[in-house]
Amino acid sequence: MARAQLNGTGVQKIKTLDEALLQAQTLHSLIERMALASKAQLPLQPFGQQIKRAAVPVASLLKGQFGSISDQVNALTLIATRGGNERVRISNLREGIAAVKQSIEIAARKVYEQDAVVEKPGKAEG
C-alpha cells in the first residue's frame, strides 16, 4: 500500500522524525556498547557523557514539534549520568531508547494520518 501524499507541514514533521530516528539509532548503539563494556567489566564513566552528548541534539530536534518524545530523550540523559547499579541503569537505558524509537514511529504514523493531502473527487487529469 502506497503512502499518502503529505502537505508541507507533514513533510517537515516527517523529515524531523526521520532525522531523530537516525540519531536515536546512534544513541542505541552507544547504549549497547555500554552494555558490552559492563559485561567486560570496563569503566562506564565515559559512556554517560557520550550518551548525554548524543541525546541533547535529539531532544532539541524534537522539542519544537514533539515535546513528549523530547522529554523521553531527556529522561535518558538523566538515567545515563546518574549513579547506581550498572545493570539496572543499562536495563533502564535499553527500555528508554526502545520507548523513544517506538514513540517516533507512532508519531510518524499519526503524521501520515493527520497531514495527508486528500484529492478532491471529480478532478480528472487529462
PDB file of N, CA and C in Angstrom:
ATOM      1  N   MET A   1       0.845  -1.175   0.000  1.00  0.00           N
ATOM      2  CA  MET A   1       0.000   0.000   0.000  1.00  0.00           C
ATOM      3  C   MET A   1       0.891   1.239   0.000  1.00  0.00           C
ATOM      4  N   ALA A   2       0.619   2.145  -0.917  1.00  0.00           N
ATOM      5  CA  ALA A   2       1.418   3.355  -1.037  1.00  0.00           C
ATOM      6  C   ALA A   2       1.040   4.354   0.042  1.00  0.00           C
ATOM      7  N   ARG A   3       2.020   5.128   0.461  1.00  0.00           N
ATOM      8  CA  ARG A   3       1.776   6.175   1.461  1.00  0.00           C
ATOM      9  C   ARG A   3       1.071   7.343   0.804  1.00  0.00           C
ATOM     10  N   ALA A   4       0.249   8.008   1.587  1.00  0.00           N
ATOM     11  CA  ALA A   4      -0.468   9.184   1.093  1.00  0.00           C
ATOM     12  C   ALA A   4       0.503  10.347   0.933  1.00  0.00           C
ATOM     13  N   GLN A   5       0.152  11.260   0.049  1.00  0.00           N
ATOM     14  CA  GLN A   5       0.931  12.481  -0.101  1.00  0.00           C
ATOM     15  C   GLN A   5       0.698  13.349   1.128  1.00  0.00           C
ATOM     16  N   LEU A   6       1.730  14.076   1.524  1.00  0.00           N
ATOM     17  CA  LEU A   6       1.634  14.936   2.703  1.00  0.00           C
ATOM     18  C   LEU A   6       1.629  16.401   2.307  1.00  0.00           C
ATOM     19  N   ASN A   7       0.998  17.211   3.150  1.00  0.00           N
ATOM     20  CA  ASN A   7       1.076  18.658   2.941  1.00  0.00           C
ATOM     21  C   ASN A   7       2.435  19.146   3.442  1.00  0.00           C
ATOM     22  N   GLY A   8       2.697  20.412   3.324  1.00  0.00           N
ATOM     23  CA  GLY A   8       4.007  20.962   3.687  1.00  0.00           C
ATOM     24  C   GLY A   8       4.382  20.732   5.144  1.00  0.00           C
ATOM     25  N   THR A   9       3.422  20.897   6.020  1.00  0.00           N
ATOM     26  CA  THR A   9       3.673  20.679   7.450  1.00  0.00           C
ATOM     27  C   THR A   9       4.031  19.225   7.710  1.00  0.00           C
ATOM     28  N   GLY A  10       3.290  18.326   7.070  1.00  0.00           N
ATOM     29  CA  GLY A  10       3.542  16.905   7.250  1.00  0.00           C
ATOM     30  C   GLY A  10       4.907  16.494   6.749  1.00  0.00           C
ATOM     31  N   VAL A  11       5.323  17.059   5.620  1.00  0.00           N
ATOM     32  CA  VAL A  11       6.651  16.745   5.077  1.00  0.00           C
ATOM     33  C   VAL A  11       7.736  17.182   6.051  1.00  0.00           C
ATOM     34  N   GLN A  12       7.583  18.360   6.620  1.00  0.00           N
ATOM     35  CA  GLN A  12       8.570  18.864   7.583  1.00  0.00           C
ATOM     36  C   GLN A  12       8.611  18.001   8.831  1.00  0.00           C
ATOM     37  N   LYS A  13       7.443  17.588   9.318  1.00  0.00           N
ATOM     38  CA  LYS A  13       7.396  16.731  10.500  1.00  0.00           C
ATOM     39  C   LYS A  13       8.065  15.387  10.234  1.00  0.00           C
ATOM     40  N   ILE A  14       7.816  14.815   9.059  1.00  0.00           N
ATOM     41  CA  ILE A  14       8.421  13.517   8.726  1.00  0.00           C
ATOM     42  C   ILE A  14       9.941  13.644   8.606  1.00  0.00           C
ATOM     43  N   LYS A  15      10.408  14.738   8.028  1.00  0.00           N
ATOM     44  CA  LYS A  15      11.861  14.958   7.949  1.00  0.00           C
ATOM     45  C   LYS A  15      12.462  15.026   9.343  1.00  0.00           C
ATOM     46  N   THR A  16      11.788  15.730  10.250  1.00  0.00           N
ATOM     47  CA  THR A  16      12.256  15.828  11.636  1.00  0.00           C
ATOM     48  C   THR A  16      12.290  14.460  12.292  1.00  0.00           C
ATOM     49  N   LEU A  17      11.233  13.684  12.111  1.00  0.00           N
ATOM     50  CA  LEU A  17      11.167  12.358  12.729  1.00  0.00           C
ATOM     51  C   LEU A  17      12.203  11.393  12.138  1.00  0.00           C
ATOM     52  N   ASP A  18      12.441  11.482  10.825  1.00  0.00           N
ATOM     53  CA  ASP A  18      13.461  10.625  10.206  1.00  0.00           C
ATOM     54  C   ASP A  18      14.847  10.936  10.754  1.00  0.00           C
ATOM     55  N   GLU A  19      15.151  12.224  10.863  1.00  0.00           N
ATOM     56  CA  GLU A  19      16.448  12.626  11.415  1.00  0.00           C
ATOM     57  C   GLU A  19      16.574  12.187  12.872  1.00  0.00           C
ATOM     58  N   ALA A  20      15.504  12.349  13.627  1.00  0.00           N
ATOM     59  CA  ALA A  20      15.518  11.934  15.037  1.00  0.00           C
ATOM     60  C   ALA A  20      15.700  10.428  15.164  1.00  0.00           C
ATOM     61  N   LEU A  21      15.089   9.660  14.270  1.00  0.00           N
ATOM     62  CA  LEU A  21      15.229   8.205  14.318  1.00  0.00           C
ATOM     63  C   LEU A  21      16.666   7.791  14.014  1.00  0.00           C
ATOM     64  N   LEU A  22      17.296   8.454  13.063  1.00  0.00           N
ATOM     65  CA  LEU A  22      18.702   8.163  12.771  1.00  0.00           C
ATOM     66  C   LEU A  22      19.592   8.461  13.978  1.00  0.00           C
ATOM     67  N   GLN A  23      19.354   9.590  14.611  1.00  0.00           N
ATOM     68  CA  GLN A  23      20.146   9.945  15.780  1.00  0.00           C
ATOM     69  C   GLN A  23      19.838   9.030  16.957  1.00  0.00           C
ATOM     70  N   ALA A  24      18.592   8.573  17.065  1.00  0.00           N
ATOM     71  CA  ALA A  24      18.227   7.642  18.134  1.00  0.00           C
ATOM     72  C   ALA A  24      18.915   6.291  17.930  1.00  0.00           C
ATOM     73  N   GLN A  25      19.117   5.899  16.690  1.00  0.00           N
ATOM     74  CA  GLN A  25      19.831   4.651  16.422  1.00  0.00           C
ATOM     75  C   GLN A  25      21.291   4.768  16.846  1.00  0.00           C
ATOM     76  N   THR A  26      21.882   5.928  16.653  1.00  0.00           N
ATOM     77  CA  THR A  26      23.236   6.168  17.136  1.00  0.00           C
ATOM     78  C   THR A  26      23.280   6.081  18.655  1.00  0.00           C
ATOM     79  N   LEU A  27      22.296   6.659  19.289  1.00  0.00           N
ATOM     80  CA  LEU A  27      22.181   6.599  20.745  1.00  0.00           C
ATOM     81  C   LEU A  27      22.018   5.157  21.220  1.00  0.00           C
ATOM     82  N   HIS A  28      21.235   4.387  20.494  1.00  0.00           N
ATOM     83  CA  HIS A  28      21.030   2.984  20.830  1.00  0.00           C
ATOM     84  C   HIS A  28      22.345   2.200  20.745  1.00  0.00           C
ATOM     85  N   SER A  29      23.139   2.494  19.719  1.00  0.00           N
ATOM     86  CA  SER A  29      24.423   1.790  19.593  1.00  0.00           C
ATOM     87  C   SER A  29      25.360   2.144  20.752  1.00  0.00           C
ATOM     88  N   LEU A  30      25.320   3.382  21.218  1.00  0.00           N
ATOM     89  CA  LEU A  30      26.122   3.761  22.386  1.00  0.00           C
ATOM     90  C   LEU A  30      25.688   2.993  23.634  1.00  0.00           C
ATOM     91  N   ILE A  31      24.386   2.838  23.793  1.00  0.00           N
ATOM     92  CA  ILE A  31      23.866   2.106  24.948  1.00  0.00           C
ATOM     93  C   ILE A  31      24.295   0.642  24.885  1.00  0.00           C
ATOM     94  N   GLU A  32      24.249   0.057  23.704  1.00  0.00           N
ATOM     95  CA  GLU A  32      24.667  -1.346  23.573  1.00  0.00           C
ATOM     96  C   GLU A  32      26.177  -1.495  23.795  1.00  0.00           C
ATOM     97  N   ARG A  33      26.966  -0.512  23.353  1.00  0.00           N
ATOM     98  CA  ARG A  33      28.407  -0.566  23.641  1.00  0.00           C
ATOM     99  C   ARG A  33      28.666  -0.435  25.133  1.00  0.00           C
ATOM    100  N   MET A  34      27.842   0.363  25.814  1.00  0.00           N
ATOM    101  CA  MET A  34      27.958   0.487  27.263  1.00  0.00           C
ATOM    102  C   MET A  34      27.671  -0.859  27.928  1.00  0.00           C
ATOM    103  N   ALA A  35      26.670  -1.564  27.419  1.00  0.00           N
ATOM    104  CA  ALA A  35      26.328  -2.876  27.971  1.00  0.00           C
ATOM    105  C   ALA A  35      27.466  -3.873  27.755  1.00  0.00           C
ATOM    106  N   LEU A  36      28.091  -3.831  26.598  1.00  0.00           N
ATOM    107  CA  LEU A  36      29.225  -4.713  26.332  1.00  0.00           C
ATOM    108  C   LEU A  36      30.407  -4.379  27.232  1.00  0.00           C
ATOM    109  N   ALA A  37      30.637  -3.106  27.459  1.00  0.00           N
ATOM    110  CA  ALA A  37      31.726  -2.696  28.349  1.00  0.00           C
ATOM    111  C   ALA A  37      31.447  -3.144  29.779  1.00  0.00           C
ATOM    112  N   SER A  38      30.200  -3.100  30.174  1.00  0.00           N
ATOM    113  CA  SER A  38      29.836  -3.551  31.508  1.00  0.00           C
ATOM    114  C   SER A  38      30.078  -5.049  31.661  1.00  0.00           C
ATOM    115  N   LYS A  39      29.738  -5.784  30.625  1.00  0.00           N
ATOM    116  CA  LYS A  39      29.938  -7.225  30.653  1.00  0.00           C
ATOM    117  C   LYS A  39      31.428  -7.573  30.719  1.00  0.00           C
ATOM    118  N   ALA A  40      32.253  -6.757  30.055  1.00  0.00           N
ATOM    119  CA  ALA A  40      33.699  -6.969  30.069  1.00  0.00           C
ATOM    120  C   ALA A  40      34.355  -6.320  31.283  1.00  0.00           C
ATOM    121  N   GLN A  41      33.555  -5.751  32.162  1.00  0.00           N
ATOM    122  CA  GLN A  41      34.000  -5.091  33.388  1.00  0.00           C
ATOM    123  C   GLN A  41      34.978  -3.945  33.115  1.00  0.00           C
ATOM    124  N   LEU A  42      34.653  -3.175  32.108  1.00  0.00           N
ATOM    125  CA  LEU A  42      35.406  -1.966  31.783  1.00  0.00           C
ATOM    126  C   LEU A  42      34.725  -0.774  32.441  1.00  0.00           C
ATOM    127  N   PRO A  43      35.438   0.338  32.633  1.00  0.00           N
ATOM    128  CA  PRO A  43      34.809   1.521  33.254  1.00  0.00           C
ATOM    129  C   PRO A  43      33.697   2.097  32.365  1.00  0.00           C
ATOM    130  N   LEU A  44      32.626   2.524  33.018  1.00  0.00           N
ATOM    131  CA  LEU A  44      31.463   3.031  32.281  1.00  0.00           C
ATOM    132  C   LEU A  44      31.322   4.548  32.327  1.00  0.00           C
ATOM    133  N   GLN A  45      32.216   5.235  33.029  1.00  0.00           N
ATOM    134  CA  GLN A  45      32.099   6.683  33.159  1.00  0.00           C
ATOM    135  C   GLN A  45      32.072   7.409  31.805  1.00  0.00           C
ATOM    136  N   PRO A  46      32.912   7.034  30.847  1.00  0.00           N
ATOM    137  CA  PRO A  46      32.872   7.781  29.575  1.00  0.00           C
ATOM    138  C   PRO A  46      31.546   7.637  28.833  1.00  0.00           C
ATOM    139  N   PHE A  47      30.860   6.530  29.028  1.00  0.00           N
ATOM    140  CA  PHE A  47      29.629   6.298  28.284  1.00  0.00           C
ATOM    141  C   PHE A  47      28.512   7.238  28.713  1.00  0.00           C
ATOM    142  N   GLY A  48      28.461   7.588  29.979  1.00  0.00           N
ATOM    143  CA  GLY A  48      27.430   8.521  30.442  1.00  0.00           C
ATOM    144  C   GLY A  48      27.526   9.849  29.727  1.00  0.00           C
ATOM    145  N   GLN A  49      28.740  10.367  29.601  1.00  0.00           N
ATOM    146  CA  GLN A  49      28.936  11.638  28.906  1.00  0.00           C
ATOM    147  C   GLN A  49      28.687  11.504  27.406  1.00  0.00           C
ATOM    148  N   GLN A  50      29.098  10.378  26.807  1.00  0.00           N
ATOM    149  CA  GLN A  50      28.859  10.175  25.374  1.00  0.00           C
ATOM    150  C   GLN A  50      27.362  10.104  25.072  1.00  0.00           C
ATOM    151  N   ILE A  51      26.629   9.396  25.931  1.00  0.00           N
ATOM    152  CA  ILE A  51      25.186   9.294  25.734  1.00  0.00           C
ATOM    153  C   ILE A  51      24.535  10.665  25.896  1.00  0.00           C
ATOM    154  N   LYS A  52      24.998  11.421  26.877  1.00  0.00           N
ATOM    155  CA  LYS A  52      24.443  12.756  27.081  1.00  0.00           C
ATOM    156  C   LYS A  52      24.720  13.635  25.862  1.00  0.00           C
ATOM    157  N   ARG A  53      25.941  13.574  25.335  1.00  0.00           N
ATOM    158  CA  ARG A  53      26.285  14.382  24.156  1.00  0.00           C
ATOM    159  C   ARG A  53      25.477  13.968  22.932  1.00  0.00           C
ATOM    160  N   ALA A  54      25.174  12.683  22.822  1.00  0.00           N
ATOM    161  CA  ALA A  54      24.401  12.217  21.666  1.00  0.00           C
ATOM    162  C   ALA A  54      22.911  12.493  21.835  1.00  0.00           C
ATOM    163  N   ALA A  55      22.429  12.545  23.074  1.00  0.00           N
ATOM    164  CA  ALA A  55      20.994  12.704  23.314  1.00  0.00           C
ATOM    165  C   ALA A  55      20.533  14.155  23.228  1.00  0.00           C
ATOM    166  N   VAL A  56      21.388  15.093  23.574  1.00  0.00           N
ATOM    167  CA  VAL A  56      20.978  16.504  23.585  1.00  0.00           C
ATOM    168  C   VAL A  56      20.527  16.983  22.202  1.00  0.00           C
ATOM    169  N   PRO A  57      21.242  16.674  21.108  1.00  0.00           N
ATOM    170  CA  PRO A  57      20.739  17.111  19.793  1.00  0.00           C
ATOM    171  C   PRO A  57      19.408  16.466  19.407  1.00  0.00           C
ATOM    172  N   VAL A  58      19.198  15.226  19.810  1.00  0.00           N
ATOM    173  CA  VAL A  58      17.921  14.561  19.507  1.00  0.00           C
ATOM    174  C   VAL A  58      16.793  15.273  20.239  1.00  0.00           C
ATOM    175  N   ALA A  59      17.013  15.561  21.513  1.00  0.00           N
ATOM    176  CA  ALA A  59      15.981  16.228  22.308  1.00  0.00           C
ATOM    177  C   ALA A  59      15.673  17.623  21.758  1.00  0.00           C
ATOM    178  N   SER A  60      16.702  18.356  21.378  1.00  0.00           N
ATOM    179  CA  SER A  60      16.455  19.712  20.866  1.00  0.00           C
ATOM    180  C   SER A  60      15.790  19.679  19.487  1.00  0.00           C
ATOM    181  N   LEU A  61      16.082  18.647  18.693  1.00  0.00           N
ATOM    182  CA  LEU A  61      15.446  18.499  17.386  1.00  0.00           C
ATOM    183  C   LEU A  61      13.944  18.246  17.536  1.00  0.00           C
ATOM    184  N   LEU A  62      13.592  17.435  18.516  1.00  0.00           N
ATOM    185  CA  LEU A  62      12.191  17.060  18.711  1.00  0.00           C
ATOM    186  C   LEU A  62      11.404  18.050  19.560  1.00  0.00           C
ATOM    187  N   LYS A  63      12.092  18.948  20.238  1.00  0.00           N
ATOM    188  CA  LYS A  63      11.454  19.822  21.225  1.00  0.00           C
ATOM    189  C   LYS A  63      10.330  20.678  20.645  1.00  0.00           C
ATOM    190  N   GLY A  64      10.502  21.203  19.467  1.00  0.00           N
ATOM    191  CA  GLY A  64       9.517  22.120  18.904  1.00  0.00           C
ATOM    192  C   GLY A  64       8.203  21.472  18.538  1.00  0.00           C
ATOM    193  N   GLN A  65       8.252  20.310  17.903  1.00  0.00           N
ATOM    194  CA  GLN A  65       7.031  19.691  17.393  1.00  0.00           C
ATOM    195  C   GLN A  65       6.575  18.477  18.199  1.00  0.00           C
ATOM    196  N   PHE A  66       7.513  17.807  18.835  1.00  0.00           N
ATOM    197  CA  PHE A  66       7.201  16.569  19.539  1.00  0.00           C
ATOM    198  C   PHE A  66       7.793  16.620  20.946  1.00  0.00           C
ATOM    199  N   GLY A  67       7.202  17.449  21.787  1.00  0.00           N
ATOM    200  CA  GLY A  67       7.722  17.701  23.125  1.00  0.00           C
ATOM    201  C   GLY A  67       7.747  16.484  24.030  1.00  0.00           C
ATOM    202  N   SER A  68       6.753  15.618  23.921  1.00  0.00           N
ATOM    203  CA  SER A  68       6.711  14.447  24.807  1.00  0.00           C
ATOM    204  C   SER A  68       7.840  13.472  24.488  1.00  0.00           C
ATOM    205  N   ILE A  69       8.167  13.326  23.212  1.00  0.00           N
ATOM    206  CA  ILE A  69       9.283  12.445  22.843  1.00  0.00           C
ATOM    207  C   ILE A  69      10.594  13.076  23.293  1.00  0.00           C
ATOM    208  N   SER A  70      10.681  14.392  23.192  1.00  0.00           N
ATOM    209  CA  SER A  70      11.863  15.102  23.659  1.00  0.00           C
ATOM    210  C   SER A  70      12.076  14.883  25.156  1.00  0.00           C
ATOM    211  N   ASP A  71      10.984  14.881  25.904  1.00  0.00           N
ATOM    212  CA  ASP A  71      11.075  14.619  27.344  1.00  0.00           C
ATOM    213  C   ASP A  71      11.572  13.209  27.629  1.00  0.00           C
ATOM    214  N   GLN A  72      11.175  12.242  26.805  1.00  0.00           N
ATOM    215  CA  GLN A  72      11.664  10.874  26.969  1.00  0.00           C
ATOM    216  C   GLN A  72      13.173  10.811  26.746  1.00  0.00           C
ATOM    217  N   VAL A  73      13.655  11.538  25.751  1.00  0.00           N
ATOM    218  CA  VAL A  73      15.098  11.555  25.474  1.00  0.00           C
ATOM    219  C   VAL A  73      15.842  12.227  26.624  1.00  0.00           C
ATOM    220  N   ASN A  74      15.283  13.301  27.162  1.00  0.00           N
ATOM    221  CA  ASN A  74      15.908  13.965  28.303  1.00  0.00           C
ATOM    222  C   ASN A  74      15.967  13.050  29.518  1.00  0.00           C
ATOM    223  N   ALA A  75      14.957  12.211  29.685  1.00  0.00           N
ATOM    224  CA  ALA A  75      14.976  11.240  30.783  1.00  0.00           C
ATOM    225  C   ALA A  75      16.121  10.247  30.606  1.00  0.00           C
ATOM    226  N   LEU A  76      16.445   9.919  29.357  1.00  0.00           N
ATOM    227  CA  LEU A  76      17.583   9.032  29.098  1.00  0.00           C
ATOM    228  C   LEU A  76      18.894   9.659  29.569  1.00  0.00           C
ATOM    229  N   THR A  77      19.042  10.953  29.368  1.00  0.00           N
ATOM    230  CA  THR A  77      20.277  11.600  29.805  1.00  0.00           C
ATOM    231  C   THR A  77      20.394  11.568  31.318  1.00  0.00           C
ATOM    232  N   LEU A  78      19.278  11.706  32.006  1.00  0.00           N
ATOM    233  CA  LEU A  78      19.315  11.611  33.463  1.00  0.00           C
ATOM    234  C   LEU A  78      19.710  10.208  33.922  1.00  0.00           C
ATOM    235  N   ILE A  79      19.154   9.205  33.275  1.00  0.00           N
ATOM    236  CA  ILE A  79      19.485   7.822  33.631  1.00  0.00           C
ATOM    237  C   ILE A  79      20.957   7.544  33.357  1.00  0.00           C
ATOM    238  N   ALA A  80      21.462   8.027  32.227  1.00  0.00           N
ATOM    239  CA  ALA A  80      22.838   7.738  31.826  1.00  0.00           C
ATOM    240  C   ALA A  80      23.855   8.376  32.765  1.00  0.00           C
ATOM    241  N   THR A  81      23.556   9.558  33.278  1.00  0.00           N
ATOM    242  CA  THR A  81      24.545  10.269  34.088  1.00  0.00           C
ATOM    243  C   THR A  81      24.368  10.032  35.578  1.00  0.00           C
ATOM    244  N   ARG A  82      23.315   9.367  35.969  1.00  0.00           N
ATOM    245  CA  ARG A  82      23.068   9.101  37.376  1.00  0.00           C
ATOM    246  C   ARG A  82      23.895   7.898  37.817  1.00  0.00           C
ATOM    247  N   GLY A  83      24.258   7.865  39.068  1.00  0.00           N
ATOM    248  CA  GLY A  83      24.983   6.726  39.617  1.00  0.00           C
ATOM    249  C   GLY A  83      24.031   5.579  39.912  1.00  0.00           C
ATOM    250  N   GLY A  84      24.574   4.536  40.493  1.00  0.00           N
ATOM    251  CA  GLY A  84      23.734   3.411  40.876  1.00  0.00           C
ATOM    252  C   GLY A  84      24.212   2.118  40.255  1.00  0.00           C
ATOM    253  N   ASN A  85      23.389   1.120  40.389  1.00  0.00           N
ATOM    254  CA  ASN A  85      23.712  -0.198  39.881  1.00  0.00           C
ATOM    255  C   ASN A  85      23.816  -0.168  38.357  1.00  0.00           C
ATOM    256  N   GLU A  86      24.899  -0.726  37.824  1.00  0.00           N
ATOM    257  CA  GLU A  86      25.134  -0.685  36.382  1.00  0.00           C
ATOM    258  C   GLU A  86      24.093  -1.480  35.606  1.00  0.00           C
ATOM    259  N   ARG A  87      23.746  -2.652  36.108  1.00  0.00           N
ATOM    260  CA  ARG A  87      22.773  -3.489  35.397  1.00  0.00           C
ATOM    261  C   ARG A  87      21.418  -2.802  35.292  1.00  0.00           C
ATOM    262  N   VAL A  88      20.998  -2.206  36.379  1.00  0.00           N
ATOM    263  CA  VAL A  88      19.705  -1.520  36.380  1.00  0.00           C
ATOM    264  C   VAL A  88      19.744  -0.325  35.440  1.00  0.00           C
ATOM    265  N   ARG A  89      20.839   0.406  35.471  1.00  0.00           N
ATOM    266  CA  ARG A  89      20.967   1.578  34.605  1.00  0.00           C
ATOM    267  C   ARG A  89      20.939   1.180  33.132  1.00  0.00           C
ATOM    268  N   ILE A  90      21.673   0.121  32.781  1.00  0.00           N
ATOM    269  CA  ILE A  90      21.692  -0.333  31.392  1.00  0.00           C
ATOM    270  C   ILE A  90      20.319  -0.828  30.971  1.00  0.00           C
ATOM    271  N   SER A  91      19.661  -1.546  31.856  1.00  0.00           N
ATOM    272  CA  SER A  91      18.312  -2.031  31.556  1.00  0.00           C
ATOM    273  C   SER A  91      17.356  -0.867  31.327  1.00  0.00           C
ATOM    274  N   ASN A  92      17.426   0.141  32.184  1.00  0.00           N
ATOM    275  CA  ASN A  92      16.569   1.323  32.031  1.00  0.00           C
ATOM    276  C   ASN A  92      16.883   2.086  30.752  1.00  0.00           C
ATOM    277  N   LEU A  93      18.169   2.164  30.394  1.00  0.00           N
ATOM    278  CA  LEU A  93      18.541   2.844  29.146  1.00  0.00           C
ATOM    279  C   LEU A  93      18.001   2.088  27.935  1.00  0.00           C
ATOM    280  N   ARG A  94      18.105   0.765  27.962  1.00  0.00           N
ATOM    281  CA  ARG A  94      17.588  -0.037  26.847  1.00  0.00           C
ATOM    282  C   ARG A  94      16.076   0.137  26.708  1.00  0.00           C
ATOM    283  N   GLU A  95      15.376   0.092  27.820  1.00  0.00           N
ATOM    284  CA  GLU A  95      13.922   0.281  27.779  1.00  0.00           C
ATOM    285  C   GLU A  95      13.574   1.690  27.310  1.00  0.00           C
ATOM    286  N   GLY A  96      14.339   2.664  27.759  1.00  0.00           N
ATOM    287  CA  GLY A  96      14.074   4.050  27.387  1.00  0.00           C
ATOM    288  C   GLY A  96      14.275   4.315  25.918  1.00  0.00           C
ATOM    289  N   ILE A  97      15.362   3.799  25.351  1.00  0.00           N
ATOM    290  CA  ILE A  97      15.612   4.045  23.930  1.00  0.00           C
ATOM    291  C   ILE A  97      14.606   3.288  23.076  1.00  0.00           C
ATOM    292  N   ALA A  98      14.177   2.125  23.531  1.00  0.00           N
ATOM    293  CA  ALA A  98      13.137   1.395  22.800  1.00  0.00           C
ATOM    294  C   ALA A  98      11.829   2.191  22.805  1.00  0.00           C
ATOM    295  N   ALA A  99      11.508   2.797  23.933  1.00  0.00           N
ATOM    296  CA  ALA A  99      10.292   3.613  24.023  1.00  0.00           C
ATOM    297  C   ALA A  99      10.393   4.843  23.130  1.00  0.00           C
ATOM    298  N   VAL A 100      11.576   5.446  23.064  1.00  0.00           N
ATOM    299  CA  VAL A 100      11.768   6.627  22.207  1.00  0.00           C
ATOM    300  C   VAL A 100      11.572   6.247  20.738  1.00  0.00           C
ATOM    301  N   LYS A 101      12.198   5.155  20.315  1.00  0.00           N
ATOM    302  CA  LYS A 101      12.073   4.736  18.921  1.00  0.00           C
ATOM    303  C   LYS A 101      10.628   4.370  18.580  1.00  0.00           C
ATOM    304  N   GLN A 102       9.958   3.725  19.506  1.00  0.00           N
ATOM    305  CA  GLN A 102       8.562   3.375  19.289  1.00  0.00           C
ATOM    306  C   GLN A 102       7.697   4.634  19.194  1.00  0.00           C
ATOM    307  N   SER A 103       7.958   5.612  20.043  1.00  0.00           N
ATOM    308  CA  SER A 103       7.206   6.865  20.013  1.00  0.00           C
ATOM    309  C   SER A 103       7.424   7.616  18.703  1.00  0.00           C
ATOM    310  N   ILE A 104       8.641   7.577  18.196  1.00  0.00           N
ATOM    311  CA  ILE A 104       8.925   8.235  16.910  1.00  0.00           C
ATOM    312  C   ILE A 104       8.138   7.558  15.790  1.00  0.00           C
ATOM    313  N   GLU A 105       8.098   6.230  15.798  1.00  0.00           N
ATOM    314  CA  GLU A 105       7.358   5.513  14.764  1.00  0.00           C
ATOM    315  C   GLU A 105       5.856   5.779  14.857  1.00  0.00           C
ATOM    316  N   ILE A 106       5.337   5.834  16.071  1.00  0.00           N
ATOM    317  CA  ILE A 106       3.910   6.139  16.259  1.00  0.00           C
ATOM    318  C   ILE A 106       3.608   7.562  15.792  1.00  0.00           C
ATOM    319  N   ALA A 107       4.490   8.503  16.115  1.00  0.00           N
ATOM    320  CA  ALA A 107       4.295   9.890  15.685  1.00  0.00           C
ATOM    321  C   ALA A 107       4.313   9.995  14.158  1.00  0.00           C
ATOM    322  N   ALA A 108       5.181   9.232  13.512  1.00  0.00           N
ATOM    323  CA  ALA A 108       5.227   9.254  12.043  1.00  0.00           C
ATOM    324  C   ALA A 108       3.921   8.727  11.464  1.00  0.00           C
ATOM    325  N   ARG A 109       3.397   7.672  12.055  1.00  0.00           N
ATOM    326  CA  ARG A 109       2.119   7.133  11.592  1.00  0.00           C
ATOM    327  C   ARG A 109       0.999   8.167  11.753  1.00  0.00           C
ATOM    328  N   LYS A 110       1.020   8.874  12.871  1.00  0.00           N
ATOM    329  CA  LYS A 110      -0.002   9.902  13.104  1.00  0.00           C
ATOM    330  C   LYS A 110       0.130  11.053  12.108  1.00  0.00           C
ATOM    331  N   VAL A 111       1.359  11.397  11.761  1.00  0.00           N
ATOM    332  CA  VAL A 111       1.561  12.470  10.784  1.00  0.00           C
ATOM    333  C   VAL A 111       0.951  12.063   9.449  1.00  0.00           C
ATOM    334  N   TYR A 112       1.159  10.810   9.038  1.00  0.00           N
ATOM    335  CA  TYR A 112       0.579  10.357   7.773  1.00  0.00           C
ATOM    336  C   TYR A 112      -0.946  10.331   7.829  1.00  0.00           C
ATOM    337  N   GLU A 113      -1.514  10.096   9.007  1.00  0.00           N
ATOM    338  CA  GLU A 113      -2.973  10.113   9.129  1.00  0.00           C
ATOM    339  C   GLU A 113      -3.517  11.535   9.128  1.00  0.00           C
ATOM    340  N   GLN A 114      -2.842  12.448   9.831  1.00  0.00           N
ATOM    341  CA  GLN A 114      -3.387  13.794  10.028  1.00  0.00           C
ATOM    342  C   GLN A 114      -3.036  14.770   8.915  1.00  0.00           C
ATOM    343  N   ASP A 115      -1.884  14.628   8.307  1.00  0.00           N
ATOM    344  CA  ASP A 115      -1.416  15.615   7.336  1.00  0.00           C
ATOM    345  C   ASP A 115      -1.448  15.104   5.898  1.00  0.00           C
ATOM    346  N   ALA A 116      -2.262  14.105   5.630  1.00  0.00           N
ATOM    347  CA  ALA A 116      -2.361  13.580   4.272  1.00  0.00           C
ATOM    348  C   ALA A 116      -3.152  14.560   3.411  1.00  0.00           C
ATOM    349  N   VAL A 117      -2.731  14.700   2.159  1.00  0.00           N
ATOM    350  CA  VAL A 117      -3.437  15.542   1.203  1.00  0.00           C
ATOM    351  C   VAL A 117      -4.533  14.687   0.579  1.00  0.00           C
ATOM    352  N   VAL A 118      -5.743  15.174   0.675  1.00  0.00           N
ATOM    353  CA  VAL A 118      -6.886  14.440   0.127  1.00  0.00           C
ATOM    354  C   VAL A 118      -7.217  15.025  -1.238  1.00  0.00           C
ATOM    355  N   GLU A 119      -7.230  14.161  -2.246  1.00  0.00           N
ATOM    356  CA  GLU A 119      -7.602  14.617  -3.587  1.00  0.00           C
ATOM    357  C   GLU A 119      -9.110  14.744  -3.667  1.00  0.00           C
ATOM    358  N   LYS A 120      -9.539  15.800  -4.308  1.00  0.00           N
ATOM    359  CA  LYS A 120     -10.976  16.016  -4.441  1.00  0.00           C
ATOM    360  C   LYS A 120     -11.497  15.176  -5.606  1.00  0.00           C
ATOM    361  N   PRO A 121     -12.579  14.443  -5.376  1.00  0.00           N
ATOM    362  CA  PRO A 121     -13.139  13.655  -6.475  1.00  0.00           C
ATOM    363  C   PRO A 121     -13.746  14.570  -7.532  1.00  0.00           C
ATOM    364  N   GLY A 122     -13.721  14.121  -8.767  1.00  0.00           N
ATOM    365  CA  GLY A 122     -14.299  14.907  -9.848  1.00  0.00           C
ATOM    366  C   GLY A 122     -13.252  15.634 -10.670  1.00  0.00           C
ATOM    367  N   LYS A 123     -12.057  15.762 -10.120  1.00  0.00           N
ATOM    368  CA  LYS A 123     -10.970  16.376 -10.890  1.00  0.00           C
ATOM    369  C   LYS A 123     -10.330  15.285 -11.720  1.00  0.00           C
ATOM    370  N   ALA A 124     -10.492  15.360 -12.986  1.00  0.00           N
ATOM    371  CA  ALA A 124      -9.922  14.345 -13.875  1.00  0.00           C
ATOM    372  C   ALA A 124      -8.674  14.916 -14.524  1.00  0.00           C
ATOM    373  N   GLU A 125      -7.647  14.089 -14.515  1.00  0.00           N
ATOM    374  CA  GLU A 125      -6.417  14.517 -15.180  1.00  0.00           C
ATOM    375  C   GLU A 125      -6.506  14.084 -16.632  1.00  0.00           C
ATOM    376  N   GLY A 126      -6.069  14.900 -17.502  1.00  0.00           N
ATOM    377  CA  GLY A 126      -6.235  14.537 -18.897  1.00  0.00           C
ATOM    378  C   GLY A 126      -5.115  14.896 -19.691  1.00  0.00           C
TER     379      GLY A 126
END
